[in-house]
């Protein structure tokens, strides 16, 4: 599917997913939609550049850099199972990462995952 998710309509309106994965992307107006796309029992995995990255490369505009604790605040209604905010050496960059789970509506509704 090809869609302009910054200026066009959200192509998955009304749908939820067992996993939502976002890497190296930040468009703040879309954050509530991405969060709402996580189904009960589903997981959000998000990683992108953070403030400080402007000292080592691109992106360097504040619009594209997460503020301290921004992902934690976004995931306030989820159970955060991992969070990282800091400097990575290879390649040099500042990032925030989070893995968070939306509470399942019932124990039998929890999706099963296989990570290998």
PDB file of N, CA and C in Angstrom:
ATOM      1  N   UNK A   1       0.839  -1.162   0.000  1.00  0.00           N
ATOM      2  CA  UNK A   1       0.000   0.000   0.000  1.00  0.00           C
ATOM      3  C   UNK A   1       0.891   1.234   0.000  1.00  0.00           C
ATOM      4  N   UNK A   2       0.560   2.192  -0.807  1.00  0.00           N
ATOM      5  CA  UNK A   2       1.265   3.467  -0.839  1.00  0.00           C
ATOM      6  C   UNK A   2       0.292   4.532  -0.355  1.00  0.00           C
ATOM      7  N   UNK A   3       0.724   5.318   0.648  1.00  0.00           N
ATOM      8  CA  UNK A   3      -0.150   6.351   1.195  1.00  0.00           C
ATOM      9  C   UNK A   3       0.696   7.489   1.726  1.00  0.00           C
ATOM     10  N   UNK A   4       0.202   8.686   1.593  1.00  0.00           N
ATOM     11  CA  UNK A   4       0.838   9.863   2.179  1.00  0.00           C
ATOM     12  C   UNK A   4       0.229  10.048   3.559  1.00  0.00           C
ATOM     13  N   UNK A   5       0.912   9.562   4.577  1.00  0.00           N
ATOM     14  CA  UNK A   5       0.335   9.577   5.921  1.00  0.00           C
ATOM     15  C   UNK A   5       0.522  10.908   6.638  1.00  0.00           C
ATOM     16  N   UNK A   6       1.189  11.850   5.999  1.00  0.00           N
ATOM     17  CA  UNK A   6       1.340  13.161   6.613  1.00  0.00           C
ATOM     18  C   UNK A   6       0.293  14.153   6.125  1.00  0.00           C
ATOM     19  N   UNK A   7      -0.127  14.046   4.882  1.00  0.00           N
ATOM     20  CA  UNK A   7      -1.115  15.007   4.366  1.00  0.00           C
ATOM     21  C   UNK A   7      -2.411  14.346   3.903  1.00  0.00           C
ATOM     22  N   UNK A   8      -2.381  13.040   3.715  1.00  0.00           N
ATOM     23  CA  UNK A   8      -3.573  12.328   3.262  1.00  0.00           C
ATOM     24  C   UNK A   8      -4.285  11.668   4.426  1.00  0.00           C
ATOM     25  N   UNK A   9      -5.390  10.991   4.151  1.00  0.00           N
ATOM     26  CA  UNK A   9      -6.112  10.293   5.208  1.00  0.00           C
ATOM     27  C   UNK A   9      -5.326   9.070   5.678  1.00  0.00           C
ATOM     28  N   UNK A  10      -5.532   8.710   6.948  1.00  0.00           N
ATOM     29  CA  UNK A  10      -4.903   7.517   7.504  1.00  0.00           C
ATOM     30  C   UNK A  10      -5.492   6.298   6.795  1.00  0.00           C
ATOM     31  N   UNK A  11      -4.667   5.489   6.147  1.00  0.00           N
ATOM     32  CA  UNK A  11      -5.191   4.388   5.319  1.00  0.00           C
ATOM     33  C   UNK A  11      -5.766   3.221   6.116  1.00  0.00           C
ATOM     34  N   UNK A  12      -5.569   3.219   7.437  1.00  0.00           N
ATOM     35  CA  UNK A  12      -6.043   2.107   8.256  1.00  0.00           C
ATOM     36  C   UNK A  12      -7.085   2.565   9.271  1.00  0.00           C
ATOM     37  N   UNK A  13      -7.870   3.553   8.919  1.00  0.00           N
ATOM     38  CA  UNK A  13      -8.861   4.121   9.837  1.00  0.00           C
ATOM     39  C   UNK A  13      -9.746   3.030  10.419  1.00  0.00           C
ATOM     40  N   UNK A  14      -9.899   3.057  11.741  1.00  0.00           N
ATOM     41  CA  UNK A  14     -10.762   2.104  12.417  1.00  0.00           C
ATOM     42  C   UNK A  14     -10.148   0.741  12.656  1.00  0.00           C
ATOM     43  N   UNK A  15      -8.935   0.510  12.184  1.00  0.00           N
ATOM     44  CA  UNK A  15      -8.299  -0.800  12.353  1.00  0.00           C
ATOM     45  C   UNK A  15      -7.279  -0.750  13.486  1.00  0.00           C
ATOM     46  N   UNK A  16      -7.108  -1.895  14.146  1.00  0.00           N
ATOM     47  CA  UNK A  16      -6.091  -2.046  15.174  1.00  0.00           C
ATOM     48  C   UNK A  16      -5.246  -3.270  14.840  1.00  0.00           C
ATOM     49  N   UNK A  17      -4.020  -3.270  15.368  1.00  0.00           N
ATOM     50  CA  UNK A  17      -3.055  -4.300  15.019  1.00  0.00           C
ATOM     51  C   UNK A  17      -2.396  -4.861  16.269  1.00  0.00           C
ATOM     52  N   UNK A  18      -1.971  -6.122  16.192  1.00  0.00           N
ATOM     53  CA  UNK A  18      -1.276  -6.755  17.312  1.00  0.00           C
ATOM     54  C   UNK A  18       0.099  -6.141  17.530  1.00  0.00           C
ATOM     55  N   UNK A  19       0.683  -5.556  16.497  1.00  0.00           N
ATOM     56  CA  UNK A  19       1.981  -4.904  16.630  1.00  0.00           C
ATOM     57  C   UNK A  19       2.018  -3.678  15.726  1.00  0.00           C
ATOM     58  N   UNK A  20       2.514  -2.593  16.280  1.00  0.00           N
ATOM     59  CA  UNK A  20       2.772  -1.380  15.515  1.00  0.00           C
ATOM     60  C   UNK A  20       4.250  -1.067  15.727  1.00  0.00           C
ATOM     61  N   UNK A  21       5.002  -1.021  14.631  1.00  0.00           N
ATOM     62  CA  UNK A  21       6.442  -0.799  14.690  1.00  0.00           C
ATOM     63  C   UNK A  21       6.781   0.450  13.888  1.00  0.00           C
ATOM     64  N   UNK A  22       7.500   1.364  14.530  1.00  0.00           N
ATOM     65  CA  UNK A  22       7.899   2.615  13.878  1.00  0.00           C
ATOM     66  C   UNK A  22       9.396   2.795  14.102  1.00  0.00           C
ATOM     67  N   UNK A  23      10.130   3.046  13.018  1.00  0.00           N
ATOM     68  CA  UNK A  23      11.568   3.296  13.147  1.00  0.00           C
ATOM     69  C   UNK A  23      11.955   4.526  12.339  1.00  0.00           C
ATOM     70  N   UNK A  24      12.805   5.336  12.941  1.00  0.00           N
ATOM     71  CA  UNK A  24      13.392   6.508  12.284  1.00  0.00           C
ATOM     72  C   UNK A  24      12.345   7.404  11.636  1.00  0.00           C
ATOM     73  N   UNK A  25      11.250   7.646  12.341  1.00  0.00           N
ATOM     74  CA  UNK A  25      10.174   8.462  11.797  1.00  0.00           C
ATOM     75  C   UNK A  25       9.481   9.192  12.938  1.00  0.00           C
ATOM     76  N   UNK A  26       9.235  10.485  12.744  1.00  0.00           N
ATOM     77  CA  UNK A  26       8.507  11.266  13.738  1.00  0.00           C
ATOM     78  C   UNK A  26       7.666  12.317  13.032  1.00  0.00           C
ATOM     79  N   UNK A  27       6.373  12.169  13.128  1.00  0.00           N
ATOM     80  CA  UNK A  27       5.401  13.155  12.658  1.00  0.00           C
ATOM     81  C   UNK A  27       4.388  13.277  13.788  1.00  0.00           C
ATOM     82  N   UNK A  28       4.597  14.258  14.651  1.00  0.00           N
ATOM     83  CA  UNK A  28       3.822  14.358  15.894  1.00  0.00           C
ATOM     84  C   UNK A  28       2.309  14.331  15.692  1.00  0.00           C
ATOM     85  N   UNK A  29       1.753  14.961  14.645  1.00  0.00           N
ATOM     86  CA  UNK A  29       0.294  14.876  14.487  1.00  0.00           C
ATOM     87  C   UNK A  29      -0.220  13.440  14.320  1.00  0.00           C
ATOM     88  N   UNK A  30       0.637  12.519  13.912  1.00  0.00           N
ATOM     89  CA  UNK A  30       0.239  11.134  13.694  1.00  0.00           C
ATOM     90  C   UNK A  30       0.356  10.271  14.955  1.00  0.00           C
ATOM     91  N   UNK A  31       1.046  10.752  15.977  1.00  0.00           N
ATOM     92  CA  UNK A  31       1.285   9.935  17.164  1.00  0.00           C
ATOM     93  C   UNK A  31       0.007   9.400  17.811  1.00  0.00           C
ATOM     94  N   UNK A  32      -1.036  10.210  18.019  1.00  0.00           N
ATOM     95  CA  UNK A  32      -2.262   9.645  18.606  1.00  0.00           C
ATOM     96  C   UNK A  32      -2.888   8.550  17.742  1.00  0.00           C
ATOM     97  N   UNK A  33      -2.830   8.697  16.437  1.00  0.00           N
ATOM     98  CA  UNK A  33      -3.378   7.687  15.528  1.00  0.00           C
ATOM     99  C   UNK A  33      -2.584   6.392  15.624  1.00  0.00           C
ATOM    100  N   UNK A  34      -1.263   6.492  15.662  1.00  0.00           N
ATOM    101  CA  UNK A  34      -0.436   5.290  15.796  1.00  0.00           C
ATOM    102  C   UNK A  34      -0.731   4.579  17.106  1.00  0.00           C
ATOM    103  N   UNK A  35      -0.849   5.337  18.180  1.00  0.00           N
ATOM    104  CA  UNK A  35      -1.139   4.745  19.475  1.00  0.00           C
ATOM    105  C   UNK A  35      -2.508   4.066  19.480  1.00  0.00           C
ATOM    106  N   UNK A  36      -3.501   4.707  18.876  1.00  0.00           N
ATOM    107  CA  UNK A  36      -4.854   4.129  18.806  1.00  0.00           C
ATOM    108  C   UNK A  36      -4.884   2.882  17.933  1.00  0.00           C
ATOM    109  N   UNK A  37      -3.877   2.679  17.109  1.00  0.00           N
ATOM    110  CA  UNK A  37      -3.823   1.517  16.224  1.00  0.00           C
ATOM    111  C   UNK A  37      -3.332   0.253  16.916  1.00  0.00           C
ATOM    112  N   UNK A  38      -2.895   0.368  18.169  1.00  0.00           N
ATOM    113  CA  UNK A  38      -2.436  -0.796  18.921  1.00  0.00           C
ATOM    114  C   UNK A  38      -3.653  -1.479  19.541  1.00  0.00           C
ATOM    115  N   UNK A  39      -3.886  -2.721  19.170  1.00  0.00           N
ATOM    116  CA  UNK A  39      -5.037  -3.489  19.661  1.00  0.00           C
ATOM    117  C   UNK A  39      -4.846  -3.874  21.124  1.00  0.00           C
ATOM    118  N   UNK A  40      -5.937  -4.191  21.823  1.00  0.00           N
ATOM    119  CA  UNK A  40      -5.800  -4.744  23.176  1.00  0.00           C
ATOM    120  C   UNK A  40      -4.901  -5.979  23.144  1.00  0.00           C
ATOM    121  N   UNK A  41      -3.919  -5.999  24.024  1.00  0.00           N
ATOM    122  CA  UNK A  41      -2.940  -7.085  24.041  1.00  0.00           C
ATOM    123  C   UNK A  41      -1.811  -6.879  23.057  1.00  0.00           C
ATOM    124  N   UNK A  42      -1.902  -5.827  22.241  1.00  0.00           N
ATOM    125  CA  UNK A  42      -0.894  -5.555  21.218  1.00  0.00           C
ATOM    126  C   UNK A  42       0.288  -4.773  21.756  1.00  0.00           C
ATOM    127  N   UNK A  43       1.324  -4.694  20.944  1.00  0.00           N
ATOM    128  CA  UNK A  43       2.570  -4.055  21.353  1.00  0.00           C
ATOM    129  C   UNK A  43       2.909  -2.908  20.409  1.00  0.00           C
ATOM    130  N   UNK A  44       3.468  -1.848  20.978  1.00  0.00           N
ATOM    131  CA  UNK A  44       4.032  -0.735  20.219  1.00  0.00           C
ATOM    132  C   UNK A  44       5.537  -0.783  20.398  1.00  0.00           C
ATOM    133  N   UNK A  45       6.251  -0.806  19.299  1.00  0.00           N
ATOM    134  CA  UNK A  45       7.709  -0.707  19.316  1.00  0.00           C
ATOM    135  C   UNK A  45       8.055   0.528  18.502  1.00  0.00           C
ATOM    136  N   UNK A  46       8.708   1.481  19.139  1.00  0.00           N
ATOM    137  CA  UNK A  46       8.978   2.764  18.489  1.00  0.00           C
ATOM    138  C   UNK A  46      10.417   3.158  18.772  1.00  0.00           C
ATOM    139  N   UNK A  47      11.143   3.528  17.730  1.00  0.00           N
ATOM    140  CA  UNK A  47      12.505   4.025  17.870  1.00  0.00           C
ATOM    141  C   UNK A  47      12.725   5.134  16.855  1.00  0.00           C
ATOM    142  N   UNK A  48      13.207   6.259  17.337  1.00  0.00           N
ATOM    143  CA  UNK A  48      13.587   7.328  16.428  1.00  0.00           C
ATOM    144  C   UNK A  48      14.570   8.262  17.111  1.00  0.00           C
ATOM    145  N   UNK A  49      14.982   9.266  16.378  1.00  0.00           N
ATOM    146  CA  UNK A  49      16.016  10.183  16.841  1.00  0.00           C
ATOM    147  C   UNK A  49      15.504  11.084  17.957  1.00  0.00           C
ATOM    148  N   UNK A  50      16.420  11.465  18.838  1.00  0.00           N
ATOM    149  CA  UNK A  50      16.082  12.284  19.996  1.00  0.00           C
ATOM    150  C   UNK A  50      16.936  13.561  20.007  1.00  0.00           C
ATOM    151  N   UNK A  51      16.489  14.499  20.840  1.00  0.00           N
ATOM    152  CA  UNK A  51      17.267  15.716  21.017  1.00  0.00           C
ATOM    153  C   UNK A  51      18.693  15.343  21.385  1.00  0.00           C
ATOM    154  N   UNK A  52      19.617  16.087  20.856  1.00  0.00           N
ATOM    155  CA  UNK A  52      21.035  15.782  20.979  1.00  0.00           C
ATOM    156  C   UNK A  52      21.597  15.327  19.649  1.00  0.00           C
ATOM    157  N   UNK A  53      20.725  14.762  18.806  1.00  0.00           N
ATOM    158  CA  UNK A  53      21.185  14.270  17.505  1.00  0.00           C
ATOM    159  C   UNK A  53      21.699  15.406  16.619  1.00  0.00           C
ATOM    160  N   UNK A  54      21.210  16.603  16.863  1.00  0.00           N
ATOM    161  CA  UNK A  54      21.672  17.749  16.065  1.00  0.00           C
ATOM    162  C   UNK A  54      23.169  17.995  16.242  1.00  0.00           C
ATOM    163  N   UNK A  55      23.775  17.440  17.290  1.00  0.00           N
ATOM    164  CA  UNK A  55      25.209  17.622  17.526  1.00  0.00           C
ATOM    165  C   UNK A  55      26.060  16.619  16.758  1.00  0.00           C
ATOM    166  N   UNK A  56      25.428  15.574  16.208  1.00  0.00           N
ATOM    167  CA  UNK A  56      26.200  14.528  15.526  1.00  0.00           C
ATOM    168  C   UNK A  56      25.769  14.291  14.087  1.00  0.00           C
ATOM    169  N   UNK A  57      24.667  14.896  13.648  1.00  0.00           N
ATOM    170  CA  UNK A  57      24.232  14.673  12.272  1.00  0.00           C
ATOM    171  C   UNK A  57      22.767  14.969  12.072  1.00  0.00           C
ATOM    172  N   UNK A  58      22.193  14.332  11.057  1.00  0.00           N
ATOM    173  CA  UNK A  58      20.788  14.532  10.709  1.00  0.00           C
ATOM    174  C   UNK A  58      19.972  13.333  11.144  1.00  0.00           C
ATOM    175  N   UNK A  59      18.692  13.554  11.444  1.00  0.00           N
ATOM    176  CA  UNK A  59      18.003  14.835  11.412  1.00  0.00           C
ATOM    177  C   UNK A  59      18.479  15.740  12.546  1.00  0.00           C
ATOM    178  N   UNK A  60      18.378  17.038  12.288  1.00  0.00           N
ATOM    179  CA  UNK A  60      18.825  18.007  13.277  1.00  0.00           C
ATOM    180  C   UNK A  60      17.738  19.016  13.643  1.00  0.00           C
ATOM    181  N   UNK A  61      16.653  19.064  12.872  1.00  0.00           N
ATOM    182  CA  UNK A  61      15.556  19.991  13.178  1.00  0.00           C
ATOM    183  C   UNK A  61      14.770  19.486  14.386  1.00  0.00           C
ATOM    184  N   UNK A  62      14.439  20.368  15.316  1.00  0.00           N
ATOM    185  CA  UNK A  62      13.675  19.950  16.504  1.00  0.00           C
ATOM    186  C   UNK A  62      12.357  19.265  16.169  1.00  0.00           C
ATOM    187  N   UNK A  63      11.752  19.601  15.026  1.00  0.00           N
ATOM    188  CA  UNK A  63      10.497  18.960  14.627  1.00  0.00           C
ATOM    189  C   UNK A  63      10.649  17.454  14.450  1.00  0.00           C
ATOM    190  N   UNK A  64      11.864  16.994  14.198  1.00  0.00           N
ATOM    191  CA  UNK A  64      12.104  15.582  13.918  1.00  0.00           C
ATOM    192  C   UNK A  64      12.908  14.884  15.006  1.00  0.00           C
ATOM    193  N   UNK A  65      13.011  15.519  16.172  1.00  0.00           N
ATOM    194  CA  UNK A  65      13.751  14.946  17.294  1.00  0.00           C
ATOM    195  C   UNK A  65      12.837  14.865  18.516  1.00  0.00           C
ATOM    196  N   UNK A  66      12.778  13.693  19.119  1.00  0.00           N
ATOM    197  CA  UNK A  66      11.968  13.529  20.316  1.00  0.00           C
ATOM    198  C   UNK A  66      12.543  14.334  21.478  1.00  0.00           C
ATOM    199  N   UNK A  67      11.667  14.927  22.246  1.00  0.00           N
ATOM    200  CA  UNK A  67      12.065  15.639  23.458  1.00  0.00           C
ATOM    201  C   UNK A  67      12.293  14.617  24.575  1.00  0.00           C
ATOM    202  N   UNK A  68      13.069  14.974  25.595  1.00  0.00           N
ATOM    203  CA  UNK A  68      13.295  14.036  26.703  1.00  0.00           C
ATOM    204  C   UNK A  68      11.968  13.533  27.281  1.00  0.00           C
ATOM    205  N   UNK A  69      11.843  12.222  27.389  1.00  0.00           N
ATOM    206  CA  UNK A  69      10.661  11.613  27.966  1.00  0.00           C
ATOM    207  C   UNK A  69       9.417  11.638  27.097  1.00  0.00           C
ATOM    208  N   UNK A  70       9.526  12.093  25.851  1.00  0.00           N
ATOM    209  CA  UNK A  70       8.339  12.228  24.996  1.00  0.00           C
ATOM    210  C   UNK A  70       7.668  10.880  24.720  1.00  0.00           C
ATOM    211  N   UNK A  71       8.440   9.837  24.446  1.00  0.00           N
ATOM    212  CA  UNK A  71       7.829   8.531  24.199  1.00  0.00           C
ATOM    213  C   UNK A  71       7.175   7.973  25.468  1.00  0.00           C
ATOM    214  N   UNK A  72       7.795   8.205  26.611  1.00  0.00           N
ATOM    215  CA  UNK A  72       7.184   7.759  27.866  1.00  0.00           C
ATOM    216  C   UNK A  72       5.841   8.443  28.085  1.00  0.00           C
ATOM    217  N   UNK A  73       5.779   9.739  27.824  1.00  0.00           N
ATOM    218  CA  UNK A  73       4.519  10.473  27.983  1.00  0.00           C
ATOM    219  C   UNK A  73       3.471   9.961  27.001  1.00  0.00           C
ATOM    220  N   UNK A  74       3.867   9.694  25.776  1.00  0.00           N
ATOM    221  CA  UNK A  74       2.942   9.184  24.763  1.00  0.00           C
ATOM    222  C   UNK A  74       2.330   7.856  25.207  1.00  0.00           C
ATOM    223  N   UNK A  75       3.120   7.018  25.841  1.00  0.00           N
ATOM    224  CA  UNK A  75       2.688   5.665  26.205  1.00  0.00           C
ATOM    225  C   UNK A  75       2.145   5.582  27.630  1.00  0.00           C
ATOM    226  N   UNK A  76       1.730   6.688  28.166  1.00  0.00           N
ATOM    227  CA  UNK A  76       1.248   6.741  29.546  1.00  0.00           C
ATOM    228  C   UNK A  76       0.147   5.715  29.828  1.00  0.00           C
ATOM    229  N   UNK A  77      -0.729   5.429  28.875  1.00  0.00           N
ATOM    230  CA  UNK A  77      -1.824   4.484  29.086  1.00  0.00           C
ATOM    231  C   UNK A  77      -1.467   3.038  28.793  1.00  0.00           C
ATOM    232  N   UNK A  78      -0.213   2.780  28.420  1.00  0.00           N
ATOM    233  CA  UNK A  78       0.239   1.424  28.102  1.00  0.00           C
ATOM    234  C   UNK A  78       1.190   0.932  29.190  1.00  0.00           C
ATOM    235  N   UNK A  79       1.451  -0.359  29.190  1.00  0.00           N
ATOM    236  CA  UNK A  79       2.447  -0.909  30.109  1.00  0.00           C
ATOM    237  C   UNK A  79       3.799  -0.899  29.398  1.00  0.00           C
ATOM    238  N   UNK A  80       4.692  -0.067  29.865  1.00  0.00           N
ATOM    239  CA  UNK A  80       6.021   0.048  29.268  1.00  0.00           C
ATOM    240  C   UNK A  80       6.866  -1.119  29.762  1.00  0.00           C
ATOM    241  N   UNK A  81       7.383  -1.900  28.821  1.00  0.00           N
ATOM    242  CA  UNK A  81       8.221  -3.040  29.178  1.00  0.00           C
ATOM    243  C   UNK A  81       9.703  -2.776  28.926  1.00  0.00           C
ATOM    244  N   UNK A  82      10.005  -1.755  28.125  1.00  0.00           N
ATOM    245  CA  UNK A  82      11.397  -1.364  27.905  1.00  0.00           C
ATOM    246  C   UNK A  82      11.421   0.074  27.393  1.00  0.00           C
ATOM    247  N   UNK A  83      12.413   0.821  27.851  1.00  0.00           N
ATOM    248  CA  UNK A  83      12.592   2.200  27.391  1.00  0.00           C
ATOM    249  C   UNK A  83      14.073   2.512  27.427  1.00  0.00           C
ATOM    250  N   UNK A  84      14.512   3.238  26.417  1.00  0.00           N
ATOM    251  CA  UNK A  84      15.911   3.643  26.336  1.00  0.00           C
ATOM    252  C   UNK A  84      15.966   5.034  25.733  1.00  0.00           C
ATOM    253  N   UNK A  85      16.822   5.867  26.274  1.00  0.00           N
ATOM    254  CA  UNK A  85      16.992   7.240  25.790  1.00  0.00           C
ATOM    255  C   UNK A  85      18.455   7.577  25.938  1.00  0.00           C
ATOM    256  N   UNK A  86      19.160   7.705  24.810  1.00  0.00           N
ATOM    257  CA  UNK A  86      20.572   8.021  24.954  1.00  0.00           C
ATOM    258  C   UNK A  86      21.329   7.992  23.652  1.00  0.00           C
ATOM    259  N   UNK A  87      22.635   7.970  23.806  1.00  0.00           N
ATOM    260  CA  UNK A  87      23.576   8.050  22.697  1.00  0.00           C
ATOM    261  C   UNK A  87      24.000   6.660  22.255  1.00  0.00           C
ATOM    262  N   UNK A  88      24.032   6.456  20.955  1.00  0.00           N
ATOM    263  CA  UNK A  88      24.527   5.222  20.350  1.00  0.00           C
ATOM    264  C   UNK A  88      25.756   5.574  19.513  1.00  0.00           C
ATOM    265  N   UNK A  89      26.796   4.750  19.593  1.00  0.00           N
ATOM    266  CA  UNK A  89      28.063   5.100  18.950  1.00  0.00           C
ATOM    267  C   UNK A  89      28.166   4.757  17.474  1.00  0.00           C
ATOM    268  N   UNK A  90      27.552   3.676  17.026  1.00  0.00           N
ATOM    269  CA  UNK A  90      27.815   3.233  15.664  1.00  0.00           C
ATOM    270  C   UNK A  90      26.514   2.971  14.903  1.00  0.00           C
ATOM    271  N   UNK A  91      26.114   3.854  14.026  1.00  0.00           N
ATOM    272  CA  UNK A  91      26.666   5.184  13.769  1.00  0.00           C
ATOM    273  C   UNK A  91      26.274   6.147  14.888  1.00  0.00           C
ATOM    274  N   UNK A  92      27.008   7.245  15.038  1.00  0.00           N
ATOM    275  CA  UNK A  92      26.720   8.197  16.117  1.00  0.00           C
ATOM    276  C   UNK A  92      25.310   8.778  15.966  1.00  0.00           C
ATOM    277  N   UNK A  93      24.515   8.640  17.050  1.00  0.00           N
ATOM    278  CA  UNK A  93      23.155   9.165  17.022  1.00  0.00           C
ATOM    279  C   UNK A  93      22.575   9.157  18.437  1.00  0.00           C
ATOM    280  N   UNK A  94      21.596  10.001  18.647  1.00  0.00           N
ATOM    281  CA  UNK A  94      20.820  10.024  19.883  1.00  0.00           C
ATOM    282  C   UNK A  94      19.447   9.458  19.550  1.00  0.00           C
ATOM    283  N   UNK A  95      18.973   8.509  20.343  1.00  0.00           N
ATOM    284  CA  UNK A  95      17.696   7.861  20.060  1.00  0.00           C
ATOM    285  C   UNK A  95      16.883   7.677  21.338  1.00  0.00           C
ATOM    286  N   UNK A  96      15.583   7.522  21.135  1.00  0.00           N
ATOM    287  CA  UNK A  96      14.692   6.993  22.159  1.00  0.00           C
ATOM    288  C   UNK A  96      14.057   5.748  21.574  1.00  0.00           C
ATOM    289  N   UNK A  97      13.887   4.740  22.443  1.00  0.00           N
ATOM    290  CA  UNK A  97      13.243   3.486  22.051  1.00  0.00           C
ATOM    291  C   UNK A  97      12.251   3.095  23.144  1.00  0.00           C
ATOM    292  N   UNK A  98      11.143   2.531  22.717  1.00  0.00           N
ATOM    293  CA  UNK A  98      10.177   2.050  23.693  1.00  0.00           C
ATOM    294  C   UNK A  98       9.497   0.794  23.170  1.00  0.00           C
ATOM    295  N   UNK A  99       9.193  -0.098  24.087  1.00  0.00           N
ATOM    296  CA  UNK A  99       8.324  -1.243  23.819  1.00  0.00           C
ATOM    297  C   UNK A  99       7.241  -1.171  24.883  1.00  0.00           C
ATOM    298  N   UNK A 100       5.988  -1.101  24.437  1.00  0.00           N
ATOM    299  CA  UNK A 100       4.875  -0.943  25.360  1.00  0.00           C
ATOM    300  C   UNK A 100       3.704  -1.793  24.894  1.00  0.00           C
ATOM    301  N   UNK A 101       2.922  -2.285  25.854  1.00  0.00           N
ATOM    302  CA  UNK A 101       1.820  -3.196  25.576  1.00  0.00           C
ATOM    303  C   UNK A 101       0.511  -2.581  26.066  1.00  0.00           C
ATOM    304  N   UNK A 102      -0.519  -2.669  25.227  1.00  0.00           N
ATOM    305  CA  UNK A 102      -1.862  -2.249  25.647  1.00  0.00           C
ATOM    306  C   UNK A 102      -2.504  -3.421  26.389  1.00  0.00           C
ATOM    307  N   UNK A 103      -3.085  -3.139  27.516  1.00  0.00           N
ATOM    308  CA  UNK A 103      -3.730  -4.185  28.308  1.00  0.00           C
ATOM    309  C   UNK A 103      -4.782  -4.901  27.467  1.00  0.00           C
ATOM    310  N   UNK A 104      -4.782  -6.225  27.562  1.00  0.00           N
ATOM    311  CA  UNK A 104      -5.769  -7.032  26.841  1.00  0.00           C
ATOM    312  C   UNK A 104      -7.121  -6.914  27.530  1.00  0.00           C
ATOM    313  N   UNK A 105      -8.188  -7.046  26.754  1.00  0.00           N
ATOM    314  CA  UNK A 105      -9.531  -6.985  27.316  1.00  0.00           C
ATOM    315  C   UNK A 105      -9.830  -8.205  28.179  1.00  0.00           C
ATOM    316  N   UNK A 106      -9.188  -9.334  27.893  1.00  0.00           N
ATOM    317  CA  UNK A 106      -9.312 -10.545  28.708  1.00  0.00           C
ATOM    318  C   UNK A 106      -8.057 -11.379  28.486  1.00  0.00           C
ATOM    319  N   UNK A 107      -7.708 -12.252  29.428  1.00  0.00           N
ATOM    320  CA  UNK A 107      -6.496 -13.065  29.253  1.00  0.00           C
ATOM    321  C   UNK A 107      -6.495 -13.885  27.977  1.00  0.00           C
ATOM    322  N   UNK A 108      -7.639 -14.349  27.516  1.00  0.00           N
ATOM    323  CA  UNK A 108      -7.671 -15.160  26.298  1.00  0.00           C
ATOM    324  C   UNK A 108      -7.471 -14.317  25.049  1.00  0.00           C
ATOM    325  N   UNK A 109      -7.553 -12.975  25.178  1.00  0.00           N
ATOM    326  CA  UNK A 109      -7.410 -12.090  24.027  1.00  0.00           C
ATOM    327  C   UNK A 109      -5.954 -11.702  23.773  1.00  0.00           C
ATOM    328  N   UNK A 110      -5.050 -12.166  24.627  1.00  0.00           N
ATOM    329  CA  UNK A 110      -3.643 -11.796  24.468  1.00  0.00           C
ATOM    330  C   UNK A 110      -3.065 -12.513  23.262  1.00  0.00           C
ATOM    331  N   UNK A 111      -2.539 -11.748  22.270  1.00  0.00           N
ATOM    332  CA  UNK A 111      -1.939 -12.406  21.113  1.00  0.00           C
ATOM    333  C   UNK A 111      -0.636 -13.094  21.502  1.00  0.00           C
ATOM    334  N   UNK A 112      -0.275 -14.118  20.768  1.00  0.00           N
ATOM    335  CA  UNK A 112       0.972 -14.820  21.020  1.00  0.00           C
ATOM    336  C   UNK A 112       1.973 -14.380  19.951  1.00  0.00           C
ATOM    337  N   UNK A 113       3.225 -14.201  20.395  1.00  0.00           N
ATOM    338  CA  UNK A 113       4.264 -13.738  19.498  1.00  0.00           C
ATOM    339  C   UNK A 113       5.406 -14.744  19.516  1.00  0.00           C
ATOM    340  N   UNK A 114       6.039 -14.881  18.405  1.00  0.00           N
ATOM    341  CA  UNK A 114       7.247 -15.678  18.307  1.00  0.00           C
ATOM    342  C   UNK A 114       8.324 -14.768  17.754  1.00  0.00           C
ATOM    343  N   UNK A 115       9.344 -14.548  18.559  1.00  0.00           N
ATOM    344  CA  UNK A 115      10.467 -13.744  18.113  1.00  0.00           C
ATOM    345  C   UNK A 115      11.669 -14.649  18.011  1.00  0.00           C
ATOM    346  N   UNK A 116      12.292 -14.654  16.868  1.00  0.00           N
ATOM    347  CA  UNK A 116      13.450 -15.528  16.698  1.00  0.00           C
ATOM    348  C   UNK A 116      14.644 -14.731  16.246  1.00  0.00           C
TER     349      UNK A 116
END
